[in-house]
Structures are given as C-alpha cells and as structure tokens.
C-alpha cells in the first residue's frame, strides 16, 4: 500500500492513451460487391408489374346470368333475323302470343334455358309497336271495319304461322304450347 497514488495515477492516465477505434458505417455495397451479387432490377420490376396487373375473376355461367349477362352462344348467330329471335323466345316460353295479337311478357313465368336480355325486351316492344302500326294502317285501308274485327282477323291468320311449341294464349285465357 505504499504506492496507492501510483495506482490511481495509472488508472487516470489509462483512458487518455486508450481510445475506441473510429467506426465507419457503410450502407451501400462497394462496386465490386454489386458486380459480384448481380442486379435483380428486371426481376423486381416484373414482379411489381405482375402484382399490380388486374386479372379476371372466374365466374360460373349462372353467376354471369345473375349479373344480367347472357352467355356467348356456341354457334355464331349472325344470320338470325328478328323473327327467328321472337320464335326462339316463344319456344323458350319467355314471351307468349296473346289472343289480342300482341306479344306478352309475364314476369311470373320463367324462361326455359336462360333469361331475357334487355335486347330481347326491346325487340318485343318493337314488334308490338310494329303490330299496332300495322293495325292502324289496316284501318285506313278498310275504314268501315271496326279495329277489333281487323285485329281478330289478323291474329287468326298470324296464329297459324306461330312456331310449333311456341307459348300462346287460348280463347279462354289459358296459356299453353302450340301443337303442330
């Protein structure tokens, strides 16, 4: 214990001589390291694009019909006329030939195989308007004949040409398929 001051002096002098090394932090790789590791920029960009690009949602035909979309036909219908489309609607029982000569839409009755599209409804409206115009013209040609008589005569002749299996209204008001 003769030298307690020397020990104290050595303890105080030591921190002045010994110091921590300087630390340098590098957040980027050196050029050699970048060259050795390669670049994944192309892969990263393709992955980012694939994550952002929208893809179709698979829906069943029934789900598409519920959304109001008609399935695409297997055979192209380019040669179909409006009369062919009406015949198809009559066969499917989507519309019916009323005893008053007009096409009838019945919301309670369901189409066999599919639903009516907005184009089908517009077509039925056009056909009914055309029939009304025809009957007006018939009245101008035969002014002495009552409109009801003209309609009835036209409807009887027209009923003979309705497609077999088409939905028709009988004289008693019941609906059924036309027998051929």
N, C-alpha and C. Protein backbone atom coordinates (compact mmCIF):
# COMPACT_ATOMS: atom_id res chain seq x y z
N UNK A 1 0.80 -1.17 0.00
CA UNK A 1 0.00 0.00 0.00
C UNK A 1 0.86 1.26 0.00
N UNK A 2 2.02 1.06 -0.31
CA UNK A 2 2.89 2.20 -0.33
C UNK A 2 2.68 3.01 -1.58
N UNK A 3 2.14 2.44 -2.51
CA UNK A 3 2.01 3.17 -3.77
C UNK A 3 0.56 3.31 -4.21
N UNK A 4 -0.33 3.73 -3.38
CA UNK A 4 -1.71 3.87 -3.83
C UNK A 4 -1.85 5.03 -4.81
N UNK A 5 -1.10 6.02 -4.75
CA UNK A 5 -1.21 7.14 -5.67
C UNK A 5 -0.75 6.76 -7.06
N UNK A 6 0.24 5.87 -7.09
CA UNK A 6 0.73 5.44 -8.39
C UNK A 6 -0.34 4.63 -9.13
N UNK A 7 -1.00 3.84 -8.38
CA UNK A 7 -2.08 3.05 -8.95
C UNK A 7 -3.22 3.97 -9.43
N UNK A 8 -3.49 5.00 -8.67
CA UNK A 8 -4.53 5.93 -9.04
C UNK A 8 -4.11 6.74 -10.27
N UNK A 9 -2.86 7.11 -10.33
CA UNK A 9 -2.34 7.87 -11.47
C UNK A 9 -2.40 7.02 -12.74
N UNK A 10 -2.07 5.76 -12.62
CA UNK A 10 -2.12 4.86 -13.78
C UNK A 10 -3.55 4.68 -14.24
N UNK A 11 -4.48 4.64 -13.29
CA UNK A 11 -5.88 4.46 -13.65
C UNK A 11 -6.42 5.70 -14.35
N UNK A 12 -5.99 6.88 -13.96
CA UNK A 12 -6.46 8.11 -14.59
C UNK A 12 -5.80 8.34 -15.94
N UNK A 13 -4.57 7.91 -16.09
CA UNK A 13 -3.85 8.14 -17.34
C UNK A 13 -4.28 7.15 -18.41
N UNK A 14 -4.75 6.02 -18.03
CA UNK A 14 -5.08 4.97 -18.99
C UNK A 14 -6.14 5.40 -20.00
N UNK A 15 -7.24 6.09 -19.59
CA UNK A 15 -8.23 6.45 -20.58
C UNK A 15 -7.68 7.44 -21.60
N UNK A 16 -6.73 8.20 -21.30
CA UNK A 16 -6.18 9.16 -22.25
C UNK A 16 -5.38 8.46 -23.33
N UNK A 17 -4.81 7.36 -23.06
CA UNK A 17 -3.99 6.65 -24.02
C UNK A 17 -4.79 5.64 -24.82
N UNK A 18 -5.77 5.10 -24.21
CA UNK A 18 -6.56 4.06 -24.89
C UNK A 18 -7.88 4.71 -25.30
N UNK A 19 -8.18 4.58 -26.55
CA UNK A 19 -9.46 5.08 -27.01
C UNK A 19 -10.09 4.08 -27.99
N UNK A 20 -11.40 4.20 -28.18
CA UNK A 20 -12.13 3.27 -29.05
C UNK A 20 -11.80 3.58 -30.50
N UNK A 21 -11.78 2.57 -31.33
CA UNK A 21 -11.48 2.82 -32.75
C UNK A 21 -12.65 3.56 -33.42
N UNK A 22 -12.33 4.31 -34.44
CA UNK A 22 -13.36 5.02 -35.19
C UNK A 22 -14.19 4.00 -35.97
N UNK A 23 -15.50 4.17 -35.89
CA UNK A 23 -16.39 3.26 -36.60
C UNK A 23 -16.95 3.99 -37.81
N UNK A 24 -16.82 3.38 -38.98
CA UNK A 24 -17.34 3.94 -40.22
C UNK A 24 -18.43 2.99 -40.71
N UNK A 25 -19.63 3.51 -40.87
CA UNK A 25 -20.74 2.67 -41.32
C UNK A 25 -20.95 2.92 -42.80
N UNK A 26 -21.02 1.85 -43.56
CA UNK A 26 -21.27 1.93 -44.98
C UNK A 26 -22.62 1.28 -45.26
N UNK A 27 -23.55 2.04 -45.85
CA UNK A 27 -24.87 1.47 -46.11
C UNK A 27 -25.00 0.97 -47.53
N UNK A 28 -24.05 1.15 -48.37
CA UNK A 28 -24.11 0.67 -49.74
C UNK A 28 -22.96 -0.27 -49.99
N UNK A 29 -23.23 -1.20 -50.88
CA UNK A 29 -22.18 -2.15 -51.22
C UNK A 29 -21.16 -1.47 -52.13
N UNK A 30 -19.96 -1.97 -52.09
CA UNK A 30 -18.92 -1.42 -52.97
C UNK A 30 -19.22 -1.84 -54.40
N UNK A 31 -18.57 -1.23 -55.35
CA UNK A 31 -18.79 -1.55 -56.77
C UNK A 31 -18.49 -3.01 -57.04
N UNK A 32 -17.44 -3.55 -56.39
CA UNK A 32 -17.08 -4.95 -56.59
C UNK A 32 -18.17 -5.87 -56.03
N UNK A 33 -18.72 -5.51 -54.88
CA UNK A 33 -19.78 -6.33 -54.30
C UNK A 33 -21.05 -6.29 -55.17
N UNK A 34 -21.37 -5.12 -55.73
CA UNK A 34 -22.53 -5.02 -56.60
C UNK A 34 -22.35 -5.86 -57.86
N UNK A 35 -21.13 -5.83 -58.40
CA UNK A 35 -20.84 -6.61 -59.60
C UNK A 35 -20.95 -8.10 -59.30
N UNK A 36 -20.47 -8.51 -58.16
CA UNK A 36 -20.47 -9.93 -57.80
C UNK A 36 -21.88 -10.43 -57.49
N UNK A 37 -22.69 -9.60 -56.86
CA UNK A 37 -24.03 -10.06 -56.48
C UNK A 37 -25.01 -10.00 -57.65
N UNK A 38 -24.74 -9.24 -58.66
CA UNK A 38 -25.65 -9.14 -59.80
C UNK A 38 -26.76 -8.17 -59.52
N UNK A 39 -27.55 -7.85 -60.55
CA UNK A 39 -28.65 -6.91 -60.40
C UNK A 39 -29.97 -7.66 -60.60
N UNK A 40 -30.90 -7.43 -59.72
CA UNK A 40 -32.20 -8.06 -59.81
C UNK A 40 -33.28 -7.02 -60.15
N UNK A 41 -32.87 -5.91 -60.72
CA UNK A 41 -33.81 -4.83 -61.02
C UNK A 41 -34.90 -5.30 -61.99
N UNK A 42 -34.51 -6.05 -63.03
CA UNK A 42 -35.50 -6.54 -64.01
C UNK A 42 -36.50 -7.47 -63.34
N UNK A 43 -36.01 -8.37 -62.52
CA UNK A 43 -36.88 -9.32 -61.84
C UNK A 43 -37.81 -8.58 -60.89
N UNK A 44 -37.28 -7.61 -60.18
CA UNK A 44 -38.11 -6.84 -59.24
C UNK A 44 -39.20 -6.07 -59.97
N UNK A 45 -38.87 -5.48 -61.13
CA UNK A 45 -39.87 -4.73 -61.89
C UNK A 45 -40.96 -5.65 -62.43
N UNK A 46 -40.58 -6.82 -62.95
CA UNK A 46 -41.58 -7.77 -63.45
C UNK A 46 -42.49 -8.25 -62.32
N UNK A 47 -41.91 -8.49 -61.16
CA UNK A 47 -42.71 -8.92 -60.02
C UNK A 47 -43.67 -7.82 -59.58
N UNK A 48 -43.19 -6.59 -59.58
CA UNK A 48 -44.06 -5.46 -59.19
C UNK A 48 -45.20 -5.30 -60.20
N UNK A 49 -44.91 -5.42 -61.52
CA UNK A 49 -45.95 -5.31 -62.54
C UNK A 49 -46.96 -6.44 -62.43
N UNK A 50 -46.49 -7.64 -62.16
CA UNK A 50 -47.40 -8.79 -62.04
C UNK A 50 -48.31 -8.61 -60.83
N UNK A 51 -47.82 -8.02 -59.78
CA UNK A 51 -48.64 -7.79 -58.60
C UNK A 51 -49.69 -6.72 -58.81
N UNK A 52 -49.43 -5.79 -59.73
CA UNK A 52 -50.36 -4.69 -59.96
C UNK A 52 -51.34 -4.95 -61.10
N UNK A 53 -51.01 -5.87 -62.01
CA UNK A 53 -51.88 -6.04 -63.18
C UNK A 53 -53.14 -6.81 -62.79
N UNK A 54 -54.31 -6.31 -63.20
CA UNK A 54 -55.57 -6.97 -62.85
C UNK A 54 -55.74 -8.26 -63.65
N UNK A 55 -56.36 -9.23 -63.04
CA UNK A 55 -56.65 -10.49 -63.70
C UNK A 55 -58.15 -10.74 -63.60
N UNK A 56 -58.73 -11.48 -64.53
CA UNK A 56 -60.17 -11.73 -64.48
C UNK A 56 -60.55 -12.62 -63.31
N UNK A 57 -61.75 -12.39 -62.81
CA UNK A 57 -62.28 -13.21 -61.73
C UNK A 57 -63.10 -14.32 -62.37
N UNK A 58 -62.80 -15.57 -62.09
CA UNK A 58 -63.57 -16.64 -62.72
C UNK A 58 -64.99 -16.71 -62.16
N UNK A 59 -65.97 -16.64 -63.06
CA UNK A 59 -67.38 -16.72 -62.66
C UNK A 59 -68.04 -17.87 -63.42
N UNK A 60 -68.99 -18.51 -62.79
CA UNK A 60 -69.74 -19.57 -63.44
C UNK A 60 -70.79 -18.96 -64.36
N UNK A 61 -71.31 -19.72 -65.32
CA UNK A 61 -72.36 -19.17 -66.18
C UNK A 61 -73.59 -18.71 -65.39
N UNK A 62 -73.93 -19.40 -64.31
CA UNK A 62 -75.08 -18.97 -63.50
C UNK A 62 -74.81 -17.63 -62.83
N UNK A 63 -73.58 -17.42 -62.35
CA UNK A 63 -73.24 -16.14 -61.74
C UNK A 63 -73.30 -15.02 -62.77
N UNK A 64 -72.85 -15.30 -64.00
CA UNK A 64 -72.93 -14.31 -65.07
C UNK A 64 -74.39 -13.97 -65.39
N UNK A 65 -75.25 -14.98 -65.41
CA UNK A 65 -76.67 -14.73 -65.67
C UNK A 65 -77.29 -13.89 -64.56
N UNK A 66 -76.87 -14.15 -63.30
CA UNK A 66 -77.39 -13.36 -62.18
C UNK A 66 -76.99 -11.89 -62.32
N UNK A 67 -75.85 -11.63 -62.96
CA UNK A 67 -75.40 -10.27 -63.19
C UNK A 67 -76.07 -9.65 -64.42
N UNK A 68 -76.90 -10.45 -65.11
CA UNK A 68 -77.61 -9.94 -66.28
C UNK A 68 -76.87 -10.12 -67.58
N UNK A 69 -75.84 -10.94 -67.60
CA UNK A 69 -75.07 -11.15 -68.82
C UNK A 69 -75.48 -12.46 -69.46
N UNK A 70 -75.69 -12.42 -70.75
CA UNK A 70 -76.03 -13.64 -71.48
C UNK A 70 -74.74 -14.35 -71.87
N UNK A 71 -74.72 -15.67 -71.74
CA UNK A 71 -73.52 -16.39 -72.17
C UNK A 71 -73.36 -16.30 -73.68
N UNK A 72 -72.14 -16.33 -74.13
CA UNK A 72 -71.90 -16.27 -75.57
C UNK A 72 -72.36 -17.58 -76.20
N UNK A 73 -73.05 -17.50 -77.31
CA UNK A 73 -73.54 -18.72 -77.94
C UNK A 73 -72.38 -19.54 -78.51
N UNK A 74 -72.59 -20.85 -78.55
CA UNK A 74 -71.56 -21.73 -79.09
C UNK A 74 -71.47 -21.58 -80.60
N UNK A 75 -72.59 -21.27 -81.23
CA UNK A 75 -72.62 -21.07 -82.68
C UNK A 75 -72.94 -19.60 -82.92
N UNK A 76 -72.24 -19.01 -83.86
CA UNK A 76 -72.46 -17.60 -84.16
C UNK A 76 -73.86 -17.41 -84.74
N UNK A 77 -74.57 -16.41 -84.25
CA UNK A 77 -75.95 -16.16 -84.65
C UNK A 77 -76.05 -14.98 -85.62
N UNK A 78 -75.09 -14.84 -86.49
CA UNK A 78 -75.07 -13.68 -87.37
C UNK A 78 -76.24 -13.68 -88.36
N UNK A 79 -76.72 -14.86 -88.78
CA UNK A 79 -77.77 -14.92 -89.78
C UNK A 79 -79.17 -14.90 -89.21
N UNK A 80 -79.32 -14.72 -87.92
CA UNK A 80 -80.64 -14.76 -87.30
C UNK A 80 -81.38 -13.44 -87.50
N UNK A 81 -82.62 -13.57 -87.88
CA UNK A 81 -83.45 -12.38 -88.06
C UNK A 81 -84.20 -12.09 -86.77
N UNK A 82 -84.91 -10.97 -86.75
CA UNK A 82 -85.73 -10.65 -85.58
C UNK A 82 -86.84 -11.68 -85.40
N UNK A 83 -87.38 -12.17 -86.51
CA UNK A 83 -88.43 -13.19 -86.43
C UNK A 83 -87.87 -14.48 -85.81
N UNK A 84 -86.63 -14.83 -86.16
CA UNK A 84 -86.01 -16.02 -85.56
C UNK A 84 -85.84 -15.84 -84.06
N UNK A 85 -85.45 -14.64 -83.66
CA UNK A 85 -85.28 -14.38 -82.23
C UNK A 85 -86.61 -14.45 -81.49
N UNK A 86 -87.68 -13.92 -82.10
CA UNK A 86 -89.02 -13.99 -81.48
C UNK A 86 -89.46 -15.45 -81.38
N UNK A 87 -89.25 -16.22 -82.45
CA UNK A 87 -89.61 -17.65 -82.41
C UNK A 87 -88.87 -18.36 -81.28
N UNK A 88 -87.61 -18.02 -81.10
CA UNK A 88 -86.82 -18.63 -80.02
C UNK A 88 -87.41 -18.26 -78.65
N UNK A 89 -87.79 -17.01 -78.48
CA UNK A 89 -88.40 -16.57 -77.21
C UNK A 89 -89.75 -17.26 -76.97
N UNK A 90 -90.51 -17.47 -78.04
CA UNK A 90 -91.79 -18.17 -77.92
C UNK A 90 -91.57 -19.63 -77.53
N UNK A 91 -90.60 -20.28 -78.16
CA UNK A 91 -90.30 -21.69 -77.84
C UNK A 91 -89.81 -21.85 -76.41
N UNK A 92 -89.04 -20.86 -75.93
CA UNK A 92 -88.49 -20.91 -74.57
C UNK A 92 -89.50 -20.44 -73.53
N UNK A 93 -90.68 -20.01 -73.98
CA UNK A 93 -91.77 -19.54 -73.11
C UNK A 93 -91.40 -18.25 -72.36
N UNK A 94 -90.51 -17.46 -72.94
CA UNK A 94 -90.16 -16.17 -72.34
C UNK A 94 -91.25 -15.14 -72.65
N UNK A 95 -91.85 -15.26 -73.83
CA UNK A 95 -92.97 -14.41 -74.22
C UNK A 95 -94.05 -15.31 -74.80
N UNK A 96 -95.23 -14.76 -74.89
CA UNK A 96 -96.33 -15.52 -75.46
C UNK A 96 -97.12 -14.67 -76.44
N UNK A 97 -97.75 -15.35 -77.41
CA UNK A 97 -98.64 -14.67 -78.35
C UNK A 97 -99.99 -14.52 -77.67
N UNK A 98 -100.34 -13.28 -77.35
CA UNK A 98 -101.61 -13.03 -76.69
C UNK A 98 -102.78 -13.14 -77.66
N UNK A 99 -103.95 -13.38 -77.14
CA UNK A 99 -105.13 -13.51 -78.01
C UNK A 99 -105.53 -12.17 -78.60
N UNK A 100 -104.96 -11.07 -78.06
CA UNK A 100 -105.23 -9.75 -78.65
C UNK A 100 -104.26 -9.41 -79.77
N UNK A 101 -103.35 -10.34 -80.09
CA UNK A 101 -102.42 -10.12 -81.20
C UNK A 101 -101.08 -9.54 -80.79
N UNK A 102 -100.91 -9.20 -79.52
CA UNK A 102 -99.64 -8.63 -79.04
C UNK A 102 -98.82 -9.70 -78.33
N UNK A 103 -97.52 -9.51 -78.31
CA UNK A 103 -96.63 -10.38 -77.55
C UNK A 103 -96.72 -10.00 -76.08
N UNK A 104 -96.80 -10.97 -75.21
CA UNK A 104 -96.95 -10.72 -73.77
C UNK A 104 -95.70 -11.17 -73.03
N UNK A 105 -95.27 -10.31 -72.12
CA UNK A 105 -94.19 -10.65 -71.19
C UNK A 105 -94.83 -10.95 -69.85
N UNK A 106 -94.54 -12.09 -69.29
CA UNK A 106 -95.09 -12.44 -67.98
C UNK A 106 -93.94 -12.59 -67.00
N UNK A 107 -93.89 -11.70 -66.00
CA UNK A 107 -92.77 -11.72 -65.06
C UNK A 107 -92.80 -12.95 -64.15
N UNK A 108 -94.00 -13.56 -63.99
CA UNK A 108 -94.09 -14.74 -63.13
C UNK A 108 -93.56 -15.98 -63.83
N UNK A 109 -93.69 -16.00 -65.15
CA UNK A 109 -93.24 -17.15 -65.92
C UNK A 109 -91.74 -17.02 -66.16
N UNK A 110 -91.05 -18.09 -66.04
CA UNK A 110 -89.61 -18.06 -66.25
C UNK A 110 -89.28 -18.68 -67.60
N UNK A 111 -88.29 -18.13 -68.23
CA UNK A 111 -87.82 -18.69 -69.50
C UNK A 111 -87.22 -20.06 -69.26
N UNK A 112 -87.44 -20.94 -70.21
CA UNK A 112 -86.73 -22.21 -70.18
C UNK A 112 -85.37 -21.93 -70.80
N UNK A 113 -84.31 -22.34 -70.15
CA UNK A 113 -82.93 -22.13 -70.60
C UNK A 113 -82.61 -20.63 -70.74
N UNK A 114 -82.24 -20.04 -69.67
CA UNK A 114 -81.74 -18.67 -69.70
C UNK A 114 -82.77 -17.63 -69.32
N UNK A 115 -82.38 -16.41 -69.51
CA UNK A 115 -83.22 -15.25 -69.17
C UNK A 115 -83.34 -14.35 -70.38
N UNK A 116 -84.25 -13.40 -70.26
CA UNK A 116 -84.41 -12.41 -71.33
C UNK A 116 -83.41 -11.28 -71.10
N UNK A 117 -82.74 -10.91 -72.15
CA UNK A 117 -81.82 -9.79 -72.05
C UNK A 117 -82.58 -8.48 -72.32
N UNK A 118 -81.90 -7.39 -72.10
CA UNK A 118 -82.50 -6.08 -72.39
C UNK A 118 -82.79 -5.95 -73.88
N UNK A 119 -81.94 -6.56 -74.71
CA UNK A 119 -82.17 -6.54 -76.16
C UNK A 119 -83.44 -7.30 -76.51
N UNK A 120 -83.69 -8.42 -75.82
CA UNK A 120 -84.91 -9.19 -76.07
C UNK A 120 -86.15 -8.39 -75.71
N UNK A 121 -86.13 -7.71 -74.58
CA UNK A 121 -87.27 -6.90 -74.15
C UNK A 121 -87.51 -5.77 -75.15
N UNK A 122 -86.42 -5.14 -75.61
CA UNK A 122 -86.55 -4.07 -76.60
C UNK A 122 -87.12 -4.61 -77.91
N UNK A 123 -86.71 -5.81 -78.29
CA UNK A 123 -87.23 -6.42 -79.52
C UNK A 123 -88.73 -6.68 -79.41
N UNK A 124 -89.19 -7.20 -78.28
CA UNK A 124 -90.62 -7.46 -78.08
C UNK A 124 -91.39 -6.14 -78.15
N UNK A 125 -90.86 -5.08 -77.55
CA UNK A 125 -91.52 -3.77 -77.62
C UNK A 125 -91.61 -3.27 -79.07
N UNK A 126 -90.52 -3.46 -79.84
CA UNK A 126 -90.52 -3.03 -81.25
C UNK A 126 -91.56 -3.81 -82.06
N UNK A 127 -91.63 -5.12 -81.82
CA UNK A 127 -92.60 -5.94 -82.57
C UNK A 127 -94.02 -5.51 -82.23
N UNK A 128 -94.29 -5.26 -80.96
CA UNK A 128 -95.64 -4.83 -80.58
C UNK A 128 -95.99 -3.48 -81.18
N UNK A 129 -95.02 -2.55 -81.18
CA UNK A 129 -95.27 -1.23 -81.81
C UNK A 129 -95.53 -1.39 -83.30
N UNK A 130 -94.78 -2.28 -83.95
CA UNK A 130 -94.96 -2.51 -85.39
C UNK A 130 -96.35 -3.10 -85.66
N UNK A 131 -96.80 -4.00 -84.80
CA UNK A 131 -98.14 -4.58 -84.98
C UNK A 131 -99.22 -3.52 -84.82
N UNK A 132 -99.08 -2.64 -83.82
CA UNK A 132 -100.05 -1.55 -83.64
C UNK A 132 -100.09 -0.64 -84.86
N UNK A 133 -98.92 -0.34 -85.41
CA UNK A 133 -98.87 0.49 -86.61
C UNK A 133 -99.51 -0.22 -87.79
N UNK A 134 -99.31 -1.52 -87.90
CA UNK A 134 -99.92 -2.28 -88.98
C UNK A 134 -101.44 -2.22 -88.87
N UNK A 135 -101.96 -2.38 -87.68
CA UNK A 135 -103.41 -2.34 -87.50
C UNK A 135 -103.96 -0.94 -87.80
N UNK A 136 -103.23 0.11 -87.47
CA UNK A 136 -103.67 1.47 -87.81
C UNK A 136 -103.72 1.63 -89.33
N UNK A 137 -102.71 1.12 -90.00
CA UNK A 137 -102.69 1.20 -91.46
C UNK A 137 -103.85 0.41 -92.05
N UNK A 138 -104.16 -0.77 -91.49
CA UNK A 138 -105.26 -1.59 -91.97
C UNK A 138 -106.59 -0.84 -91.83
N UNK A 139 -106.72 -0.05 -90.78
CA UNK A 139 -107.95 0.75 -90.59
C UNK A 139 -108.09 1.81 -91.67
N UNK A 140 -106.96 2.36 -92.12
CA UNK A 140 -107.03 3.38 -93.18
C UNK A 140 -107.40 2.74 -94.52
N UNK A 141 -106.98 1.49 -94.71
CA UNK A 141 -107.30 0.80 -95.96
C UNK A 141 -108.76 0.36 -95.98
N UNK A 142 -109.26 -0.07 -94.82
CA UNK A 142 -110.66 -0.53 -94.71
C UNK A 142 -111.34 0.28 -93.60
N UNK A 143 -111.71 1.52 -93.87
CA UNK A 143 -112.23 2.40 -92.82
C UNK A 143 -113.56 1.95 -92.22
N UNK A 144 -114.34 1.18 -92.90
CA UNK A 144 -115.64 0.81 -92.38
C UNK A 144 -115.59 -0.38 -91.42
N UNK A 145 -114.47 -1.05 -91.33
CA UNK A 145 -114.37 -2.25 -90.49
C UNK A 145 -113.85 -1.84 -89.11
N UNK A 146 -114.50 -2.31 -88.02
CA UNK A 146 -114.02 -1.95 -86.68
C UNK A 146 -112.62 -2.51 -86.41
N UNK A 147 -111.88 -1.77 -85.59
CA UNK A 147 -110.49 -2.17 -85.29
C UNK A 147 -110.43 -3.55 -84.65
N UNK A 148 -111.34 -3.87 -83.76
CA UNK A 148 -111.34 -5.17 -83.09
C UNK A 148 -111.50 -6.31 -84.09
N UNK A 149 -112.32 -6.11 -85.09
CA UNK A 149 -112.53 -7.12 -86.12
C UNK A 149 -111.26 -7.31 -86.95
N UNK A 150 -110.62 -6.18 -87.30
CA UNK A 150 -109.35 -6.27 -88.04
C UNK A 150 -108.28 -7.01 -87.23
N UNK A 151 -108.19 -6.67 -85.97
CA UNK A 151 -107.19 -7.33 -85.09
C UNK A 151 -107.45 -8.82 -85.01
N UNK A 152 -108.71 -9.17 -84.81
CA UNK A 152 -109.08 -10.59 -84.65
C UNK A 152 -108.74 -11.37 -85.93
N UNK A 153 -109.09 -10.81 -87.09
CA UNK A 153 -108.78 -11.50 -88.35
C UNK A 153 -107.28 -11.66 -88.52
N UNK A 154 -106.53 -10.58 -88.25
CA UNK A 154 -105.08 -10.66 -88.39
C UNK A 154 -104.51 -11.70 -87.42
N UNK A 155 -105.01 -11.71 -86.19
CA UNK A 155 -104.49 -12.63 -85.18
C UNK A 155 -104.76 -14.08 -85.56
N UNK A 156 -105.92 -14.37 -86.14
CA UNK A 156 -106.24 -15.75 -86.54
C UNK A 156 -105.30 -16.22 -87.64
N UNK A 157 -105.03 -15.37 -88.61
CA UNK A 157 -104.11 -15.73 -89.69
C UNK A 157 -102.68 -15.85 -89.14
N UNK A 158 -102.30 -14.92 -88.29
CA UNK A 158 -100.94 -14.92 -87.73
C UNK A 158 -100.72 -16.15 -86.83
N UNK A 159 -101.74 -16.58 -86.10
CA UNK A 159 -101.61 -17.72 -85.18
C UNK A 159 -101.24 -18.99 -85.92
N UNK A 160 -101.65 -19.11 -87.18
CA UNK A 160 -101.31 -20.29 -87.96
C UNK A 160 -99.81 -20.36 -88.22
N UNK A 161 -99.14 -19.22 -88.27
CA UNK A 161 -97.71 -19.18 -88.56
C UNK A 161 -96.82 -19.17 -87.33
N UNK A 162 -97.42 -19.20 -86.14
CA UNK A 162 -96.61 -19.21 -84.91
C UNK A 162 -95.83 -20.52 -84.86
N UNK A 163 -94.60 -20.44 -84.41
CA UNK A 163 -93.70 -21.59 -84.36
C UNK A 163 -94.28 -22.71 -83.48
N UNK A 164 -94.05 -23.95 -83.89
CA UNK A 164 -94.51 -25.10 -83.11
C UNK A 164 -93.84 -25.09 -81.74
N UNK A 165 -94.62 -25.34 -80.70
CA UNK A 165 -94.09 -25.31 -79.34
C UNK A 165 -94.06 -23.93 -78.74
N UNK A 166 -94.46 -22.92 -79.52
CA UNK A 166 -94.48 -21.55 -79.01
C UNK A 166 -95.56 -21.35 -77.97
N UNK A 167 -95.37 -20.41 -77.09
CA UNK A 167 -96.29 -20.14 -75.99
C UNK A 167 -97.41 -19.26 -76.52
N UNK A 168 -98.66 -19.73 -76.44
CA UNK A 168 -99.79 -18.98 -76.98
C UNK A 168 -100.92 -18.95 -75.95
N UNK A 169 -101.74 -17.90 -76.06
CA UNK A 169 -102.89 -17.75 -75.18
C UNK A 169 -104.13 -18.26 -75.91
N UNK A 170 -104.87 -19.12 -75.26
CA UNK A 170 -106.10 -19.66 -75.84
C UNK A 170 -107.23 -18.65 -75.65
N UNK A 171 -108.36 -18.91 -76.31
CA UNK A 171 -109.50 -18.00 -76.23
C UNK A 171 -110.06 -17.90 -74.80
N UNK A 172 -109.86 -18.96 -74.00
CA UNK A 172 -110.36 -18.92 -72.62
C UNK A 172 -109.38 -18.25 -71.65
N UNK A 173 -108.24 -17.77 -72.16
CA UNK A 173 -107.27 -17.06 -71.31
C UNK A 173 -106.16 -17.93 -70.74
N UNK A 174 -106.19 -19.23 -71.01
CA UNK A 174 -105.13 -20.11 -70.52
C UNK A 174 -103.95 -20.10 -71.51
N UNK A 175 -102.78 -20.41 -70.99
CA UNK A 175 -101.57 -20.42 -71.81
C UNK A 175 -101.12 -21.85 -72.02
N UNK A 176 -100.55 -22.10 -73.19
CA UNK A 176 -100.03 -23.42 -73.50
C UNK A 176 -99.18 -23.40 -74.75
N UNK A 177 -98.56 -24.53 -75.04
CA UNK A 177 -97.73 -24.64 -76.24
C UNK A 177 -98.61 -24.88 -77.46
N UNK A 178 -98.18 -24.29 -78.57
CA UNK A 178 -98.91 -24.53 -79.82
C UNK A 178 -98.57 -25.94 -80.30
N UNK A 179 -99.61 -26.70 -80.58
CA UNK A 179 -99.44 -28.06 -81.10
C UNK A 179 -99.39 -28.00 -82.62
N UNK A 180 -98.52 -28.81 -83.18
CA UNK A 180 -98.40 -28.86 -84.66
C UNK A 180 -98.65 -30.26 -85.15
